[in-house]
Protein backbone atom coordinates (compact mmCIF):
# COMPACT_ATOMS: atom_id res chain seq x y z
CA MET A 1 -2.39 -6.21 23.52
CA THR A 2 -0.83 -9.18 26.04
CA PRO A 3 2.61 -9.02 26.73
CA PHE A 4 3.17 -12.14 24.03
CA HIS A 5 2.73 -9.02 20.72
CA VAL A 6 4.76 -6.45 22.40
CA ALA A 7 7.77 -7.74 20.56
CA ARG A 8 10.99 -6.01 19.82
CA ALA A 9 10.74 -7.66 16.32
CA ARG A 10 10.68 -4.86 14.57
CA TYR A 11 14.04 -3.50 16.09
CA ALA A 12 15.92 -6.68 15.73
CA ARG A 13 18.91 -6.65 13.23
CA ALA A 14 17.92 -9.14 10.11
CA SER A 15 20.79 -10.74 11.15
CA LEU A 16 19.23 -13.05 14.61
CA PRO A 17 17.60 -16.00 14.09
CA TRP A 18 14.14 -16.70 14.77
CA LEU A 19 14.60 -18.01 18.39
CA ALA A 20 16.65 -14.90 19.50
CA LEU A 21 13.63 -12.79 18.34
CA CYS A 22 11.60 -14.68 20.25
CA ALA A 23 13.87 -14.81 23.40
CA SER A 24 13.90 -11.16 22.90
CA TRP A 25 9.95 -11.15 23.11
CA CYS A 26 10.02 -12.72 26.47
CA ALA A 27 11.92 -9.92 27.71
CA CYS A 28 10.12 -7.08 26.81
CA ASP A 29 8.64 -4.56 29.10
CA PRO A 30 4.32 -5.35 28.75
CA ALA A 31 3.99 -1.92 28.66
CA SER A 32 5.24 -1.96 25.20
CA ALA A 33 2.25 -2.21 22.55
CA HIS A 34 2.99 -0.64 19.61
CA GLY A 35 0.52 -2.30 16.70
CA PHE A 36 1.71 -5.47 16.94
CA ALA A 37 -0.99 -8.12 16.12
CA GLY A 38 1.09 -11.57 16.51
CA LYS A 39 4.27 -11.91 14.56
CA ARG A 40 2.93 -8.62 12.54
CA PHE A 41 4.23 -4.74 13.61
CA PHE A 42 1.72 -2.19 11.53
CA PRO A 43 3.87 1.28 11.21
CA ALA A 44 2.13 4.85 11.85
CA THR A 45 0.98 5.31 8.57
CA LEU A 46 0.93 8.62 7.18
CA VAL A 47 -2.37 9.87 5.64
CA THR A 48 -4.56 6.82 6.43
CA ASP A 49 -5.43 6.16 10.03
CA ASP A 50 -3.77 3.06 12.15
CA PRO A 51 -6.21 0.24 13.11
CA PHE A 52 -4.44 -0.25 16.58
CA VAL A 53 -4.58 2.20 19.40
CA ALA A 54 -1.05 3.44 20.89
CA ASP A 55 0.80 6.24 22.77
CA GLU A 56 2.55 7.76 20.07
CA LEU A 57 3.56 11.40 18.72
CA SER A 58 4.06 12.82 15.19
CA LEU A 59 6.05 15.76 15.45
CA PRO A 60 5.78 17.08 13.35
CA THR A 61 4.34 15.74 9.74
CA VAL A 62 4.85 18.19 7.02
CA SER A 63 3.13 18.11 3.68
CA GLN A 64 3.10 20.44 0.37
CA GLN A 65 0.34 19.89 -2.55
CA LYS A 66 -1.27 22.53 -5.07
CA PHE A 67 -4.83 22.47 -5.69
CA PRO A 68 -7.10 23.60 -8.40
CA ALA A 69 -8.75 26.35 -9.20
CA SER A 70 -12.68 26.38 -8.15
CA GLY A 71 -15.21 28.82 -8.60
CA ASP A 72 -13.82 31.94 -7.67
CA GLU A 73 -11.02 30.85 -5.27
CA PRO A 74 -7.69 30.34 -7.59
CA ALA A 75 -4.83 27.30 -7.58
CA THR A 76 -3.16 27.42 -4.59
CA ARG A 77 -0.52 25.69 -3.20
CA GLU A 78 -0.89 24.35 0.67
CA THR A 79 2.18 23.69 2.92
CA ALA A 80 0.79 22.31 5.92
CA ILE A 81 2.79 21.45 9.22
CA SER A 82 0.88 19.31 11.94
CA PHE A 83 1.43 17.29 15.49
CA ASP A 84 -0.94 14.89 16.60
CA VAL A 85 -0.39 13.01 19.94
CA SER A 86 -2.44 9.84 20.69
CA LYS A 87 -2.74 8.51 24.51
CA ARG A 88 -4.34 5.00 25.71
CA LEU A 89 -6.91 5.28 28.68
CA THR A 90 -6.91 1.88 28.77
CA GLN A 91 -5.36 -0.99 27.03
CA ASN A 92 -7.86 -1.15 24.00
CA PHE A 93 -9.00 2.30 24.37
CA GLY A 94 -7.41 5.87 23.84
CA ILE A 95 -7.85 9.49 22.59
CA GLY A 96 -6.48 11.84 20.69
CA LEU A 97 -5.42 15.44 19.69
CA GLY A 98 -4.05 16.90 16.23
CA ALA A 99 -3.80 20.56 15.20
CA THR A 100 -2.17 22.10 11.76
CA TYR A 101 -0.29 24.92 10.95
CA LEU A 102 -1.15 25.98 7.18
CA GLN A 103 0.73 28.68 4.63
CA LEU A 104 -1.84 29.16 1.85
CA GLN A 105 -0.31 30.78 -1.66
CA PRO A 106 -2.56 32.06 -4.28
CA ASP A 107 -1.98 32.16 -7.58
CA GLY A 108 -1.21 36.04 -8.17
CA GLY A 109 -2.62 36.13 -4.20
CA GLU A 110 -1.16 37.24 -0.71
CA ARG A 111 0.11 34.32 1.42
CA GLN A 112 -1.99 33.68 4.17
CA ARG A 113 -0.90 32.13 7.03
CA GLY A 114 -2.81 30.30 10.79
CA TRP A 115 -3.86 27.61 12.15
CA ASP A 116 -6.68 25.11 10.94
CA ASN A 117 -9.26 23.90 13.15
CA LEU A 118 -8.34 21.31 16.24
CA ALA A 119 -9.16 17.86 15.67
CA VAL A 120 -9.87 15.59 18.82
CA SER A 121 -10.58 11.38 17.89
CA LEU A 122 -11.62 8.26 20.14
CA LYS A 123 -11.16 5.10 19.22
CA TYR A 124 -11.65 1.47 20.62
CA GLN A 125 -9.96 -1.81 19.85
CA PHE A 126 -12.26 -4.37 20.26
CA TYR A 127 -10.44 -7.27 18.03
CA GLU A 128 -7.03 -9.06 17.35
CA ASN A 129 -6.58 -12.22 15.89
CA ASP A 130 -2.73 -13.24 16.21
CA GLU A 131 -2.58 -16.53 13.97
CA HIS A 132 -4.09 -14.88 11.39
CA GLU A 133 -2.35 -10.80 12.14
CA THR A 134 -5.59 -8.72 11.69
CA ILE A 135 -7.10 -5.97 14.21
CA LEU A 136 -10.09 -4.62 13.76
CA SER A 137 -11.17 -0.53 15.66
CA ALA A 138 -13.90 1.75 15.81
CA GLY A 139 -13.81 5.08 16.42
CA LEU A 140 -14.63 9.11 16.20
CA ASP A 141 -13.04 11.62 14.79
CA ALA A 142 -13.67 15.62 14.99
CA ASP A 143 -12.61 18.88 13.54
CA LEU A 144 -14.01 21.70 16.13
CA GLY A 145 -15.39 24.30 13.65
CA GLY A 146 -14.43 27.93 14.98
CA THR A 147 -10.92 26.52 16.71
CA GLY A 148 -9.26 28.02 13.29
CA SER A 149 -8.29 30.86 11.68
CA LYS A 150 -10.38 32.87 8.95
CA ARG A 151 -7.53 33.57 7.11
CA VAL A 152 -6.40 30.27 6.03
CA GLY A 153 -10.61 29.10 5.58
CA ARG A 154 -11.16 27.05 8.68
CA GLU A 155 -14.69 26.01 8.73
CA PRO A 156 -17.25 27.40 11.20
CA PHE A 157 -18.56 24.07 12.11
CA SER A 158 -17.82 20.93 12.83
CA THR A 159 -17.55 17.63 11.67
CA PHE A 160 -18.01 13.95 13.21
CA THR A 161 -16.89 11.19 10.87
CA PRO A 162 -17.10 8.09 13.02
CA ALA A 163 -15.71 5.26 11.12
CA LEU A 164 -13.84 1.63 11.24
CA PHE A 165 -10.52 0.71 11.24
CA PHE A 166 -8.86 -2.83 9.81
CA GLY A 167 -5.59 -4.32 9.55
CA LYS A 168 -4.65 -7.73 8.22
CA GLY A 169 -1.09 -9.04 7.61
CA PHE A 170 -0.66 -12.07 5.60
CA GLY A 171 2.16 -14.25 7.40
CA ASP A 172 -0.57 -16.68 7.00
CA LEU A 173 -0.23 -18.02 3.66
CA PRO A 174 0.95 -21.23 3.27
CA GLU A 175 4.84 -22.09 2.33
CA ASP A 176 4.80 -22.02 -1.19
CA ALA A 177 3.82 -18.14 -1.62
CA LYS A 178 5.97 -17.58 1.99
CA PHE A 179 7.68 -14.10 -0.23
CA LEU A 180 4.03 -12.74 -0.11
CA ARG A 181 3.78 -12.93 4.11
CA PRO A 182 5.86 -9.80 4.26
CA LEU A 183 2.58 -8.29 3.07
CA ALA A 184 -0.04 -6.14 5.13
CA ILE A 185 -3.11 -4.47 4.48
CA THR A 186 -4.49 -1.53 6.34
CA GLY A 187 -7.74 0.56 5.76
CA GLN A 188 -10.30 3.28 6.88
CA LEU A 189 -14.23 3.50 6.27
CA GLY A 190 -15.97 5.99 7.33
CA VAL A 191 -18.55 8.86 7.04
CA SER A 192 -17.93 12.68 7.94
CA ILE A 193 -20.91 14.44 8.86
CA PRO A 194 -21.13 18.00 9.39
CA SER A 195 -23.09 19.43 12.11
CA SER A 196 -24.50 22.54 10.32
CA ALA A 197 -26.02 21.20 6.87
CA SER A 198 -25.69 24.92 5.29
CA SER A 199 -24.36 28.23 6.23
CA THR A 200 -25.09 31.82 4.98
CA SER A 201 -22.49 34.57 5.13
CA VAL A 202 -22.90 38.27 3.56
CA ASN A 203 -20.35 39.96 1.46
CA ASP A 204 -19.21 43.63 1.87
CA GLU A 205 -22.38 44.78 -0.75
CA GLY A 206 -24.96 43.40 1.90
CA GLU A 207 -25.16 39.99 -0.56
CA GLN A 208 -26.53 36.89 0.73
CA SER A 209 -24.86 34.08 -0.51
CA MET A 210 -25.87 30.16 1.13
CA GLU A 211 -23.24 27.33 1.40
CA GLN A 212 -24.00 23.68 0.98
CA HIS A 213 -22.11 21.53 3.61
CA PRO A 214 -21.80 18.26 2.45
CA SER A 215 -21.00 14.60 3.72
CA PHE A 216 -18.84 12.78 2.93
CA PHE A 217 -17.47 8.59 3.02
CA GLN A 218 -14.05 9.20 3.68
CA TRP A 219 -12.25 6.08 2.47
CA GLY A 220 -8.65 5.11 1.92
CA PHE A 221 -5.98 1.76 2.50
CA SER A 222 -2.59 1.27 2.76
CA PHE A 223 -0.36 -1.42 1.31
CA GLN A 224 2.77 -2.84 3.03
CA TYR A 225 5.58 -4.95 2.38
CA SER A 226 7.81 -5.16 5.70
CA LEU A 227 11.46 -5.99 5.02
CA ILE A 228 11.48 -6.19 8.31
CA TYR A 229 9.21 -9.60 8.58
CA LEU A 230 10.70 -10.84 5.18
CA GLN A 231 14.55 -10.63 7.39
CA SER A 232 13.15 -11.83 10.32
CA PHE A 233 9.96 -14.37 9.81
CA VAL A 234 10.41 -15.24 6.07
CA LYS A 235 14.08 -15.18 5.27
CA ASP A 236 17.45 -13.30 5.67
CA VAL A 237 18.22 -12.24 1.89
CA GLY A 238 21.19 -10.35 3.91
CA LEU A 239 20.00 -6.77 3.57
CA PRO A 240 22.38 -4.49 5.95
CA GLU A 241 21.26 -1.24 7.56
CA PRO A 242 18.55 0.53 6.89
CA PHE A 243 17.16 -1.46 4.56
CA ASN A 244 16.70 -3.79 6.83
CA ARG A 245 14.38 -2.04 8.75
CA MET A 246 12.41 -0.27 5.65
CA ILE A 247 8.48 -0.80 4.94
CA PRO A 248 7.78 0.25 1.17
CA VAL A 249 4.08 1.48 1.11
CA ILE A 250 1.63 2.65 -1.00
CA GLU A 251 -1.38 4.84 0.79
CA ILE A 252 -4.55 5.87 -1.09
CA PRO A 253 -6.76 8.04 1.01
CA LEU A 254 -10.42 9.11 -0.86
CA GLN A 255 -13.52 11.01 0.00
CA THR A 256 -16.74 10.45 -2.06
CA GLY A 257 -19.32 12.90 -2.06
CA LEU A 258 -22.61 11.86 -0.76
CA ASN A 259 -25.09 14.97 -1.08
CA ARG A 260 -26.08 18.49 -0.65
CA GLY A 261 -24.53 18.90 -4.13
CA ALA A 262 -21.38 16.78 -3.79
CA SER A 263 -20.45 13.89 -5.74
CA GLY A 264 -17.60 12.05 -7.42
CA THR A 265 -14.16 10.85 -6.03
CA THR A 266 -11.07 12.75 -5.18
CA GLY A 267 -7.64 11.65 -3.76
CA THR A 268 -4.18 10.71 -4.09
CA ILE A 269 -1.76 8.00 -4.62
CA ASN A 270 1.20 7.71 -2.26
CA PRO A 271 3.83 5.59 -3.11
CA GLY A 272 6.66 5.83 0.02
CA ILE A 273 9.02 4.55 2.13
CA ILE A 274 8.78 4.19 6.21
CA TRP A 275 11.71 3.35 8.08
CA SER A 276 11.21 1.80 11.99
CA GLY A 277 13.61 2.32 14.55
CA ARG A 278 13.57 1.40 18.22
CA TYR A 279 12.20 4.60 19.46
CA PHE A 280 10.80 6.29 16.33
CA GLN A 281 10.29 5.89 12.97
CA LEU A 282 10.60 7.87 9.28
CA ALA A 283 8.36 8.48 6.53
CA VAL A 284 8.11 9.81 3.00
CA GLU A 285 5.38 9.82 0.22
CA ALA A 286 5.02 11.40 -3.15
CA GLN A 287 0.84 12.65 -3.48
CA ILE A 288 -0.17 12.08 -6.75
CA PRO A 289 -3.34 13.00 -7.40
CA ILE A 290 -5.92 10.66 -9.12
CA ASN A 291 -8.00 13.14 -11.29
CA SER A 292 -7.51 16.86 -11.83
CA ARG A 293 -10.33 17.98 -9.06
CA SER A 294 -7.58 16.43 -6.23
CA GLY A 295 -4.51 18.60 -7.01
CA SER A 296 -2.48 19.60 -9.93
CA GLY A 297 1.36 18.24 -9.74
CA VAL A 298 3.06 16.19 -7.37
CA GLY A 299 3.21 16.62 -3.94
CA TRP A 300 4.93 15.48 -0.93
CA ILE A 301 4.56 14.69 2.75
CA ALA A 302 7.04 13.75 5.58
CA GLN A 303 6.79 12.35 9.15
CA LEU A 304 8.68 12.04 12.28
CA HIS A 305 6.73 9.78 13.86
CA PHE A 306 7.55 9.18 18.23
CA TYR A 307 6.82 5.51 19.64
CA LEU A 308 5.79 6.92 23.18
CA ASP A 309 4.87 3.42 24.13
CA ASP A 310 8.55 2.32 24.07
CA LEU A 311 10.27 5.50 24.74
CA PHE A 312 8.24 5.62 28.49
CA PRO A 313 7.21 2.10 28.87
CA LYS A 314 7.03 2.83 32.99
CA SER A 315 5.19 6.42 32.27
CA ILE A 316 3.55 8.19 29.57
CA GLY A 317 4.00 5.55 27.55
CA ARG A 318 1.55 3.04 29.82
CA PRO A 319 -2.60 3.36 29.70
CA VAL A 320 -3.76 5.52 32.27
CA PHE A 321 -6.26 2.73 34.04
CA GLY A 322 -5.05 -0.69 33.87
CA ASN A 323 -1.59 -2.45 32.73
């Protein structure tokens, strides 16, 4: 991104006039570049990947959800604690690393704890349009098979997911629709591809069984209404703190089976709130299953997320190569 995008608008008080916001942009350090396209700030979302490249740290993301019984497996309550870090190598290319600690509580069974497989990612932001508040990126996520604990059912094979990511703000709407300008949508479209089509296991009685590893269409969206954008660029409606820094959001992460016996779509609808501060954001969402295969009962997810490019603009918050 260019220095013009590096605005402090997301942190400014809602009572500041527009000219004061512009002045604060000009005073910003160009190394601070988190999630902007023109005036639009895209927050880091919890369950659908961001369309931008940035230096950021989620520490931690905590979620809990109950999954229904499947085959011989009983219904299980899953609690996950995740840690994710992303780092820009250049202004538009970054890498990421994630780890998740799982606690599984099956109905009538013994509680199991352990690490899931490590996840790594690459992302390249190849398009940005400030006037139309648009960002497009391409990326590759990889879950590294065998790096987690067998106790929590980690997969022995790796899974690779090439994907496209997009973000679109509606600040370019006409004056008669100005109260829709704070709206934005982000999303991802990808296909998960396992490194092995199937695997064979042998039980204690010496019986062999084969498990198919299907591919999935991974797709999801977030719908956002930024009260920060409303106050700063549409109309000062007098929202006090902390409400003037809130972004109501609905995320919809989905996956659809493509082959090897997998079919149908599972996922959740996640209504929630993101609060964005100067150096970090707080977020919480409900997780509502879209069908009985997706979960039983309403779960939840919460996150503490740090903007490393704003916390450390002259050191670890800068791209490794270039400005």
